[in-house]
Amino acid sequence: MHALGTQLLVELKDCNHEILKDLNTVREAMVSAAKQAKATIVDVSFHEFSPFGISGMVVIAESHLSIHTWPEYGYAAVDIFTCGDVIKPEIAVQYLIAQFESKNPSIVEMKRGIISCTNEKLPHKVCNDRLQMVS
């Protein structure tokens, strides 16, 4: 069974509160995580909430990395979705665990886009002449 992509749902608990509330540090960690995994960065957008908390997205050609932080709880929810098999999302996860100093991380892996039960590997992009709309 082959899938179009892999999604890692990452729970980062018992993190450094000061790191999680610093917009520049969180943004840099997420961008660096994408680079560590050899992803192709397309766009970066982050927002800081008042009194604290950060949400952000690193859009990559292979899909995305997103984060939502709750510094008051030492917690960050990270989502890493990648298509194809060029990059290794687990490298990004290990980098973020270290950067946010998480003492209690957990990771759930999901396969996304399981379209058929064939043994044929699914390309994450198709040529226009093969593109068909499903009704």
N, C-alpha and C. Protein backbone atom coordinates (compact mmCIF):
# COMPACT_ATOMS: atom_id res chain seq x y z
N MET A 1 0.85 -1.17 0.00
CA MET A 1 0.00 0.00 0.00
C MET A 1 0.90 1.24 0.00
N HIS A 2 0.67 2.14 -0.94
CA HIS A 2 1.47 3.35 -1.06
C HIS A 2 0.60 4.58 -0.85
N ALA A 3 1.20 5.63 -0.32
CA ALA A 3 0.49 6.87 -0.04
C ALA A 3 1.16 8.04 -0.76
N LEU A 4 0.39 9.11 -0.94
CA LEU A 4 0.93 10.31 -1.55
C LEU A 4 1.83 11.07 -0.60
N GLY A 5 1.56 10.97 0.70
CA GLY A 5 2.36 11.73 1.65
C GLY A 5 2.36 11.14 3.04
N THR A 6 3.22 11.71 3.87
CA THR A 6 3.33 11.32 5.27
C THR A 6 3.11 12.55 6.13
N GLN A 7 2.29 12.40 7.16
CA GLN A 7 2.03 13.50 8.08
C GLN A 7 2.47 13.07 9.47
N LEU A 8 3.29 13.92 10.09
CA LEU A 8 3.73 13.68 11.45
C LEU A 8 3.03 14.68 12.36
N LEU A 9 2.27 14.16 13.32
CA LEU A 9 1.61 15.00 14.32
C LEU A 9 2.49 14.94 15.56
N VAL A 10 3.06 16.08 15.91
CA VAL A 10 4.09 16.12 16.94
C VAL A 10 3.59 16.92 18.14
N GLU A 11 3.62 16.28 19.30
CA GLU A 11 3.26 16.92 20.57
C GLU A 11 4.57 17.21 21.30
N LEU A 12 4.88 18.48 21.49
CA LEU A 12 6.09 18.85 22.21
C LEU A 12 5.68 19.40 23.57
N LYS A 13 5.84 18.57 24.59
CA LYS A 13 5.45 18.94 25.95
C LYS A 13 6.69 19.23 26.78
N ASP A 14 6.48 19.97 27.87
CA ASP A 14 7.58 20.32 28.79
C ASP A 14 8.72 21.01 28.04
N CYS A 15 8.34 22.00 27.22
CA CYS A 15 9.32 22.79 26.47
C CYS A 15 9.77 23.99 27.29
N ASN A 16 10.81 24.64 26.80
CA ASN A 16 11.29 25.89 27.40
C ASN A 16 10.28 27.00 27.11
N HIS A 17 9.66 27.55 28.16
CA HIS A 17 8.62 28.58 28.02
C HIS A 17 9.12 29.81 27.28
N GLU A 18 10.34 30.23 27.59
CA GLU A 18 10.90 31.44 26.98
C GLU A 18 11.08 31.28 25.48
N ILE A 19 11.51 30.12 25.07
CA ILE A 19 11.70 29.86 23.63
C ILE A 19 10.35 29.89 22.91
N LEU A 20 9.34 29.25 23.50
CA LEU A 20 8.02 29.15 22.85
C LEU A 20 7.30 30.49 22.71
N LYS A 21 7.70 31.49 23.49
CA LYS A 21 7.01 32.78 23.38
C LYS A 21 7.79 33.81 22.55
N ASP A 22 8.93 33.41 22.00
CA ASP A 22 9.74 34.33 21.19
C ASP A 22 9.51 34.08 19.70
N LEU A 23 8.83 35.01 19.06
CA LEU A 23 8.45 34.87 17.65
C LEU A 23 9.64 34.57 16.75
N ASN A 24 10.71 35.34 16.89
CA ASN A 24 11.87 35.15 16.01
C ASN A 24 12.52 33.79 16.21
N THR A 25 12.60 33.34 17.45
CA THR A 25 13.20 32.04 17.75
C THR A 25 12.36 30.91 17.18
N VAL A 26 11.05 31.00 17.35
CA VAL A 26 10.15 29.95 16.84
C VAL A 26 10.21 29.92 15.31
N ARG A 27 10.14 31.09 14.69
CA ARG A 27 10.20 31.15 13.21
C ARG A 27 11.50 30.55 12.71
N GLU A 28 12.62 30.97 13.29
CA GLU A 28 13.92 30.47 12.85
C GLU A 28 14.04 28.96 13.05
N ALA A 29 13.51 28.45 14.15
CA ALA A 29 13.57 27.01 14.40
C ALA A 29 12.78 26.24 13.34
N MET A 30 11.61 26.74 12.97
CA MET A 30 10.79 26.06 11.98
C MET A 30 11.43 26.12 10.58
N VAL A 31 11.95 27.27 10.22
CA VAL A 31 12.62 27.41 8.92
C VAL A 31 13.86 26.52 8.88
N SER A 32 14.62 26.51 9.96
CA SER A 32 15.81 25.67 10.02
C SER A 32 15.46 24.19 9.99
N ALA A 33 14.35 23.81 10.62
CA ALA A 33 13.91 22.41 10.60
C ALA A 33 13.62 21.99 9.16
N ALA A 34 12.95 22.86 8.41
CA ALA A 34 12.67 22.56 7.00
C ALA A 34 13.97 22.41 6.21
N LYS A 35 14.92 23.29 6.47
CA LYS A 35 16.21 23.21 5.78
C LYS A 35 16.97 21.94 6.18
N GLN A 36 16.94 21.59 7.45
CA GLN A 36 17.61 20.39 7.93
C GLN A 36 17.07 19.14 7.21
N ALA A 37 15.77 19.15 6.93
CA ALA A 37 15.13 18.01 6.25
C ALA A 37 15.31 18.07 4.73
N LYS A 38 16.01 19.11 4.25
CA LYS A 38 16.27 19.30 2.81
C LYS A 38 15.00 19.65 2.03
N ALA A 39 14.05 20.32 2.69
CA ALA A 39 12.82 20.75 2.02
C ALA A 39 13.08 22.03 1.22
N THR A 40 12.22 22.28 0.25
CA THR A 40 12.28 23.48 -0.58
C THR A 40 11.26 24.48 -0.04
N ILE A 41 11.74 25.54 0.60
CA ILE A 41 10.86 26.53 1.21
C ILE A 41 10.25 27.43 0.14
N VAL A 42 8.92 27.58 0.21
CA VAL A 42 8.17 28.40 -0.74
C VAL A 42 7.72 29.71 -0.09
N ASP A 43 7.24 29.62 1.17
CA ASP A 43 6.73 30.81 1.86
C ASP A 43 6.79 30.56 3.37
N VAL A 44 6.84 31.66 4.12
CA VAL A 44 6.90 31.59 5.58
C VAL A 44 5.95 32.64 6.14
N SER A 45 5.07 32.24 7.06
CA SER A 45 4.14 33.18 7.68
C SER A 45 3.94 32.81 9.15
N PHE A 46 4.15 33.80 10.04
CA PHE A 46 4.00 33.58 11.48
C PHE A 46 3.24 34.74 12.10
N HIS A 47 2.52 34.45 13.18
CA HIS A 47 1.74 35.46 13.89
C HIS A 47 1.92 35.27 15.39
N GLU A 48 2.13 36.39 16.10
CA GLU A 48 2.26 36.36 17.55
C GLU A 48 0.96 36.88 18.18
N PHE A 49 0.42 36.12 19.12
CA PHE A 49 -0.81 36.49 19.80
C PHE A 49 -0.50 37.23 21.09
N SER A 50 -1.48 38.00 21.56
CA SER A 50 -1.34 38.71 22.83
C SER A 50 -2.24 38.04 23.86
N PRO A 51 -1.78 37.72 25.04
CA PRO A 51 -0.49 38.11 25.59
C PRO A 51 0.66 37.20 25.16
N PHE A 52 0.39 35.98 24.69
CA PHE A 52 1.47 35.12 24.21
C PHE A 52 0.88 33.99 23.38
N GLY A 53 1.77 33.33 22.67
CA GLY A 53 1.37 32.25 21.77
C GLY A 53 1.73 32.62 20.34
N ILE A 54 2.16 31.64 19.60
CA ILE A 54 2.59 31.86 18.22
C ILE A 54 1.99 30.77 17.34
N SER A 55 1.53 31.18 16.17
CA SER A 55 1.11 30.23 15.14
C SER A 55 1.92 30.55 13.89
N GLY A 56 2.32 29.51 13.19
CA GLY A 56 3.10 29.76 11.99
C GLY A 56 3.10 28.60 11.03
N MET A 57 3.46 28.93 9.81
CA MET A 57 3.46 27.95 8.73
C MET A 57 4.69 28.20 7.86
N VAL A 58 5.37 27.11 7.56
CA VAL A 58 6.43 27.12 6.55
C VAL A 58 5.91 26.27 5.41
N VAL A 59 5.57 26.94 4.32
CA VAL A 59 5.08 26.22 3.14
C VAL A 59 6.30 25.74 2.37
N ILE A 60 6.31 24.45 2.06
CA ILE A 60 7.41 23.87 1.31
C ILE A 60 6.85 23.25 0.03
N ALA A 61 7.70 23.10 -0.96
CA ALA A 61 7.26 22.50 -2.22
C ALA A 61 6.70 21.11 -1.98
N GLU A 62 7.17 20.45 -0.93
CA GLU A 62 6.76 19.10 -0.60
C GLU A 62 5.54 19.08 0.33
N SER A 63 5.01 20.22 0.75
CA SER A 63 3.79 20.42 1.53
C SER A 63 3.96 21.49 2.59
N HIS A 64 4.07 21.14 3.91
CA HIS A 64 4.16 22.20 4.92
C HIS A 64 4.66 21.72 6.28
N LEU A 65 5.10 22.70 7.08
CA LEU A 65 5.37 22.53 8.50
C LEU A 65 4.56 23.61 9.20
N SER A 66 3.81 23.26 10.23
CA SER A 66 3.05 24.27 10.97
C SER A 66 3.27 24.09 12.47
N ILE A 67 3.04 25.18 13.22
CA ILE A 67 3.22 25.15 14.67
C ILE A 67 2.22 26.06 15.34
N HIS A 68 1.80 25.67 16.52
CA HIS A 68 0.99 26.50 17.42
C HIS A 68 1.59 26.32 18.80
N THR A 69 1.94 27.43 19.45
CA THR A 69 2.58 27.32 20.77
C THR A 69 1.68 27.86 21.87
N TRP A 70 1.79 27.24 23.01
CA TRP A 70 1.16 27.68 24.26
C TRP A 70 2.28 27.77 25.28
N PRO A 71 3.02 28.89 25.30
CA PRO A 71 4.16 29.01 26.21
C PRO A 71 3.77 28.86 27.68
N GLU A 72 2.57 29.29 28.03
CA GLU A 72 2.13 29.20 29.42
C GLU A 72 2.02 27.76 29.90
N TYR A 73 1.93 26.82 28.97
CA TYR A 73 1.88 25.40 29.30
C TYR A 73 3.14 24.65 28.88
N GLY A 74 4.09 25.36 28.28
CA GLY A 74 5.30 24.70 27.80
C GLY A 74 5.02 23.71 26.69
N TYR A 75 4.02 24.02 25.87
CA TYR A 75 3.52 23.07 24.87
C TYR A 75 3.52 23.67 23.46
N ALA A 76 3.88 22.84 22.49
CA ALA A 76 3.78 23.22 21.08
C ALA A 76 3.20 22.05 20.29
N ALA A 77 2.26 22.36 19.41
CA ALA A 77 1.69 21.38 18.49
C ALA A 77 2.31 21.64 17.12
N VAL A 78 2.97 20.63 16.59
CA VAL A 78 3.65 20.76 15.30
C VAL A 78 3.07 19.73 14.33
N ASP A 79 2.88 20.17 13.11
CA ASP A 79 2.38 19.29 12.04
C ASP A 79 3.38 19.37 10.89
N ILE A 80 3.87 18.23 10.46
CA ILE A 80 4.78 18.19 9.32
C ILE A 80 4.19 17.24 8.29
N PHE A 81 3.83 17.79 7.14
CA PHE A 81 3.24 16.99 6.07
C PHE A 81 4.17 17.06 4.87
N THR A 82 4.60 15.90 4.38
CA THR A 82 5.51 15.86 3.24
C THR A 82 5.01 14.89 2.20
N CYS A 83 5.19 15.26 0.95
CA CYS A 83 4.84 14.41 -0.18
C CYS A 83 6.13 13.92 -0.82
N GLY A 84 6.05 12.76 -1.42
CA GLY A 84 7.24 12.20 -2.06
C GLY A 84 8.16 11.60 -1.02
N ASP A 85 9.34 11.19 -1.47
CA ASP A 85 10.28 10.57 -0.54
C ASP A 85 11.67 11.20 -0.60
N VAL A 86 11.70 12.47 -1.01
CA VAL A 86 12.97 13.18 -1.11
C VAL A 86 13.44 13.66 0.27
N ILE A 87 12.53 14.25 1.04
CA ILE A 87 12.92 14.77 2.34
C ILE A 87 12.52 13.79 3.44
N LYS A 88 13.14 13.96 4.58
CA LYS A 88 12.91 13.09 5.73
C LYS A 88 12.33 13.93 6.87
N PRO A 89 11.00 13.89 7.07
CA PRO A 89 10.38 14.72 8.09
C PRO A 89 10.86 14.41 9.51
N GLU A 90 11.30 13.18 9.75
CA GLU A 90 11.77 12.83 11.09
C GLU A 90 13.02 13.63 11.48
N ILE A 91 13.80 14.07 10.51
CA ILE A 91 14.96 14.92 10.79
C ILE A 91 14.48 16.26 11.32
N ALA A 92 13.44 16.81 10.72
CA ALA A 92 12.87 18.08 11.18
C ALA A 92 12.33 17.94 12.60
N VAL A 93 11.68 16.82 12.88
CA VAL A 93 11.11 16.59 14.22
C VAL A 93 12.21 16.56 15.27
N GLN A 94 13.26 15.79 15.02
CA GLN A 94 14.34 15.70 16.01
C GLN A 94 15.00 17.06 16.24
N TYR A 95 15.13 17.84 15.18
CA TYR A 95 15.69 19.19 15.30
C TYR A 95 14.81 20.06 16.19
N LEU A 96 13.48 20.01 15.98
CA LEU A 96 12.56 20.84 16.77
C LEU A 96 12.51 20.40 18.24
N ILE A 97 12.57 19.11 18.49
CA ILE A 97 12.60 18.62 19.87
C ILE A 97 13.79 19.25 20.60
N ALA A 98 14.94 19.27 19.95
CA ALA A 98 16.14 19.86 20.56
C ALA A 98 16.01 21.37 20.70
N GLN A 99 15.52 22.05 19.67
CA GLN A 99 15.44 23.51 19.70
C GLN A 99 14.48 24.04 20.76
N PHE A 100 13.36 23.35 20.94
CA PHE A 100 12.37 23.79 21.93
C PHE A 100 12.60 23.17 23.30
N GLU A 101 13.64 22.34 23.40
CA GLU A 101 14.03 21.70 24.65
C GLU A 101 12.88 20.90 25.26
N SER A 102 12.17 20.17 24.39
CA SER A 102 11.04 19.36 24.85
C SER A 102 11.55 18.15 25.63
N LYS A 103 11.05 18.01 26.84
CA LYS A 103 11.42 16.87 27.68
C LYS A 103 10.44 15.71 27.53
N ASN A 104 9.34 15.95 26.81
CA ASN A 104 8.30 14.92 26.69
C ASN A 104 7.63 15.00 25.31
N PRO A 105 8.36 14.62 24.26
CA PRO A 105 7.76 14.67 22.92
C PRO A 105 7.03 13.37 22.58
N SER A 106 6.06 13.48 21.68
CA SER A 106 5.43 12.30 21.12
C SER A 106 5.12 12.57 19.65
N ILE A 107 5.15 11.50 18.86
CA ILE A 107 4.97 11.62 17.41
C ILE A 107 3.99 10.56 16.94
N VAL A 108 3.01 11.00 16.15
CA VAL A 108 2.08 10.08 15.50
C VAL A 108 2.28 10.25 14.00
N GLU A 109 2.50 9.14 13.31
CA GLU A 109 2.68 9.18 11.87
C GLU A 109 1.42 8.69 11.18
N MET A 110 1.00 9.44 10.17
CA MET A 110 -0.17 9.06 9.36
C MET A 110 0.24 9.06 7.89
N LYS A 111 -0.21 8.08 7.18
CA LYS A 111 -0.05 8.07 5.73
C LYS A 111 -1.26 8.77 5.14
N ARG A 112 -1.05 9.72 4.23
CA ARG A 112 -2.14 10.47 3.62
C ARG A 112 -2.21 10.17 2.13
N GLY A 113 -3.41 10.20 1.60
CA GLY A 113 -3.59 9.99 0.16
C GLY A 113 -3.40 8.55 -0.24
N ILE A 114 -3.97 7.64 0.55
CA ILE A 114 -3.93 6.23 0.17
C ILE A 114 -5.08 6.04 -0.81
N ILE A 115 -4.75 6.07 -2.08
CA ILE A 115 -5.76 6.09 -3.14
C ILE A 115 -6.10 4.71 -3.65
N SER A 116 -5.12 3.85 -3.70
CA SER A 116 -5.37 2.50 -4.20
C SER A 116 -4.59 1.49 -3.38
N CYS A 117 -4.93 0.25 -3.54
CA CYS A 117 -4.25 -0.83 -2.82
C CYS A 117 -3.27 -1.55 -3.73
N THR A 118 -2.79 -0.88 -4.75
CA THR A 118 -1.85 -1.53 -5.65
C THR A 118 -0.45 -1.50 -5.05
N ASN A 119 0.41 -2.28 -5.61
CA ASN A 119 1.80 -2.27 -5.18
C ASN A 119 2.62 -1.24 -5.93
N GLU A 120 1.97 -0.52 -6.84
CA GLU A 120 2.65 0.50 -7.63
C GLU A 120 2.81 1.76 -6.79
N LYS A 121 4.02 2.29 -6.76
CA LYS A 121 4.29 3.52 -6.02
C LYS A 121 3.55 4.68 -6.69
N LEU A 122 2.90 5.52 -5.88
CA LEU A 122 2.14 6.66 -6.41
C LEU A 122 3.04 7.88 -6.53
N PRO A 123 3.08 8.52 -7.71
CA PRO A 123 3.83 9.77 -7.83
C PRO A 123 3.07 10.87 -7.10
N HIS A 124 3.79 11.79 -6.46
CA HIS A 124 3.08 12.86 -5.76
C HIS A 124 2.69 13.99 -6.70
N LYS A 125 3.13 13.93 -7.94
CA LYS A 125 2.69 14.87 -8.98
C LYS A 125 2.45 14.07 -10.24
N VAL A 126 1.42 14.45 -11.00
CA VAL A 126 1.16 13.77 -12.26
C VAL A 126 1.26 14.75 -13.41
N CYS A 127 1.55 14.24 -14.58
CA CYS A 127 1.60 15.07 -15.78
C CYS A 127 0.18 15.43 -16.19
N ASN A 128 0.01 16.57 -16.88
CA ASN A 128 -1.32 17.02 -17.29
C ASN A 128 -2.05 16.00 -18.13
N ASP A 129 -1.32 15.25 -18.97
CA ASP A 129 -2.01 14.28 -19.82
C ASP A 129 -2.55 13.08 -19.03
N ARG A 130 -2.09 12.90 -17.80
CA ARG A 130 -2.59 11.81 -16.94
C ARG A 130 -3.63 12.30 -15.95
N LEU A 131 -3.80 13.62 -15.85
CA LEU A 131 -4.70 14.19 -14.84
C LEU A 131 -6.16 13.94 -15.22
N GLN A 132 -6.88 13.35 -14.30
CA GLN A 132 -8.29 13.11 -14.51
C GLN A 132 -9.01 13.58 -13.24
N MET A 133 -10.12 14.22 -13.41
CA MET A 133 -10.92 14.67 -12.28
C MET A 133 -11.82 13.53 -11.83
N VAL A 134 -11.94 13.36 -10.54
CA VAL A 134 -12.80 12.33 -9.98
C VAL A 134 -14.13 12.99 -9.62
N SER A 135 -15.24 12.38 -10.06
CA SER A 135 -16.55 12.98 -9.78
C SER A 135 -17.14 12.38 -8.53
